[in-house]
């Protein structure tokens, strides 16, 4: 299999990690940081990633909307998308209800 030509600054591939697994996969691509809430064509991005050989993706929250979308996509794509939740630094000055966030995290 020929590996894609990754170029510094190419945001589409900037967070890919080649994961070696000698037991099951041989190797696969794992996109470790995807903000799906910032994309216009989520289904298309997922389809193109899978077609390009991406085995897993980490859906990163970063905002309430992003967190909810990450969980939703992980539920729709079990084994292919892993959800992470949290808040990006631009939310640091805003009030975040940590009790509500903990409840959301524990229920998902």
Protein backbone atom coordinates (compact mmCIF):
# COMPACT_ATOMS: atom_id res chain seq x y z
CA UNK A 1 0.00 0.00 0.00
CA UNK A 2 1.35 3.39 -0.94
CA UNK A 3 1.23 5.99 1.83
CA UNK A 4 -0.17 9.45 1.09
CA UNK A 5 2.29 12.28 0.59
CA UNK A 6 1.89 14.32 3.77
CA UNK A 7 3.03 17.94 3.55
CA UNK A 8 3.68 20.20 6.49
CA UNK A 9 0.78 22.60 6.90
CA UNK A 10 -1.74 20.36 5.11
CA UNK A 11 -4.54 20.48 7.69
CA UNK A 12 -6.35 17.48 6.24
CA UNK A 13 -3.50 15.19 7.24
CA UNK A 14 -1.84 17.13 10.05
CA UNK A 15 -3.10 14.93 12.84
CA UNK A 16 -2.86 11.49 11.27
CA UNK A 17 -1.06 8.85 13.21
CA UNK A 18 0.09 5.59 11.70
CA UNK A 19 -0.89 2.87 14.12
CA UNK A 20 0.92 -0.44 13.93
CA UNK A 21 -1.00 -3.51 14.96
CA UNK A 22 0.65 -6.82 14.21
CA UNK A 23 -2.31 -8.84 15.46
CA UNK A 24 -5.31 -7.66 13.44
CA UNK A 25 -4.75 -4.86 10.98
CA UNK A 26 -1.10 -4.87 9.95
CA UNK A 27 -1.38 -1.08 10.03
CA UNK A 28 -4.02 1.59 9.69
CA UNK A 29 -4.43 5.34 9.77
CA UNK A 30 -5.97 6.91 12.86
CA UNK A 31 -6.99 10.57 12.58
CA UNK A 32 -6.43 11.72 16.14
CA UNK A 33 -8.18 15.10 16.06
CA UNK A 34 -11.27 15.90 13.97
CA UNK A 35 -13.62 18.82 14.71
CA UNK A 36 -16.61 17.51 12.77
CA UNK A 37 -18.73 20.46 13.97
CA UNK A 38 -16.57 22.77 11.83
CA UNK A 39 -17.17 20.80 8.61
CA UNK A 40 -19.91 21.36 6.05
CA UNK A 41 -19.97 17.83 4.60
CA UNK A 42 -19.50 15.49 7.55
CA UNK A 43 -20.78 12.35 5.81
CA UNK A 44 -18.60 13.08 2.78
CA UNK A 45 -15.52 13.64 4.94
CA UNK A 46 -16.10 10.34 6.75
CA UNK A 47 -16.65 8.49 3.46
CA UNK A 48 -13.50 9.96 1.91
CA UNK A 49 -11.45 9.16 5.01
CA UNK A 50 -12.62 5.55 5.03
CA UNK A 51 -11.95 5.26 1.28
CA UNK A 52 -8.43 6.60 1.89
CA UNK A 53 -7.77 3.89 4.49
CA UNK A 54 -8.48 5.73 7.73
CA UNK A 55 -9.52 3.05 10.21
CA UNK A 56 -10.45 5.22 13.16
CA UNK A 57 -11.11 8.88 13.92
CA UNK A 58 -11.26 10.77 17.20
CA UNK A 59 -14.16 13.24 17.10
CA UNK A 60 -13.07 16.18 19.24
CA UNK A 61 -15.63 18.33 21.03
CA UNK A 62 -14.36 21.76 22.00
CA UNK A 63 -17.77 23.35 22.51
CA UNK A 64 -21.17 22.17 23.70
CA UNK A 65 -22.28 21.68 20.09
CA UNK A 66 -19.01 19.92 19.23
CA UNK A 67 -19.27 17.62 22.24
CA UNK A 68 -22.83 16.61 21.35
CA UNK A 69 -21.89 16.04 17.71
CA UNK A 70 -18.84 13.94 18.67
CA UNK A 71 -21.03 11.66 20.78
CA UNK A 72 -23.70 11.44 18.08
CA UNK A 73 -21.14 10.48 15.41
CA UNK A 74 -19.49 7.91 17.67
CA UNK A 75 -22.87 6.29 18.24
CA UNK A 76 -23.60 6.26 14.49
CA UNK A 77 -20.11 4.89 13.66
CA UNK A 78 -19.20 2.41 16.41
CA UNK A 79 -15.65 1.17 16.08
CA UNK A 80 -14.82 3.87 13.55
CA UNK A 81 -15.26 7.08 15.51
CA UNK A 82 -14.30 7.69 19.13
CA UNK A 83 -15.81 10.72 20.91
CA UNK A 84 -13.88 13.10 23.13
CA UNK A 85 -15.48 15.98 25.00
CA UNK A 86 -14.09 19.18 26.41
CA UNK A 87 -13.83 22.90 25.78
CA UNK A 88 -11.29 24.81 23.69
CA UNK A 89 -9.29 27.67 25.15
CA UNK A 90 -11.56 30.35 23.67
CA UNK A 91 -14.21 29.15 26.15
CA UNK A 92 -11.91 29.80 29.12
CA UNK A 93 -13.49 33.16 29.95
CA UNK A 94 -17.03 31.86 29.66
CA UNK A 95 -19.08 30.20 32.35
CA UNK A 96 -19.20 26.44 31.93
CA UNK A 97 -21.49 24.47 34.20
CA UNK A 98 -19.10 21.73 35.29
CA UNK A 99 -21.86 19.75 37.02
CA UNK A 100 -23.83 19.71 33.76
CA UNK A 101 -20.70 18.83 31.78
CA UNK A 102 -19.83 15.97 34.13
CA UNK A 103 -23.39 14.67 33.86
CA UNK A 104 -23.17 14.85 30.04
CA UNK A 105 -19.80 13.06 30.04
CA UNK A 106 -20.95 10.30 32.37
CA UNK A 107 -24.19 9.70 30.48
CA UNK A 108 -22.38 9.31 27.17
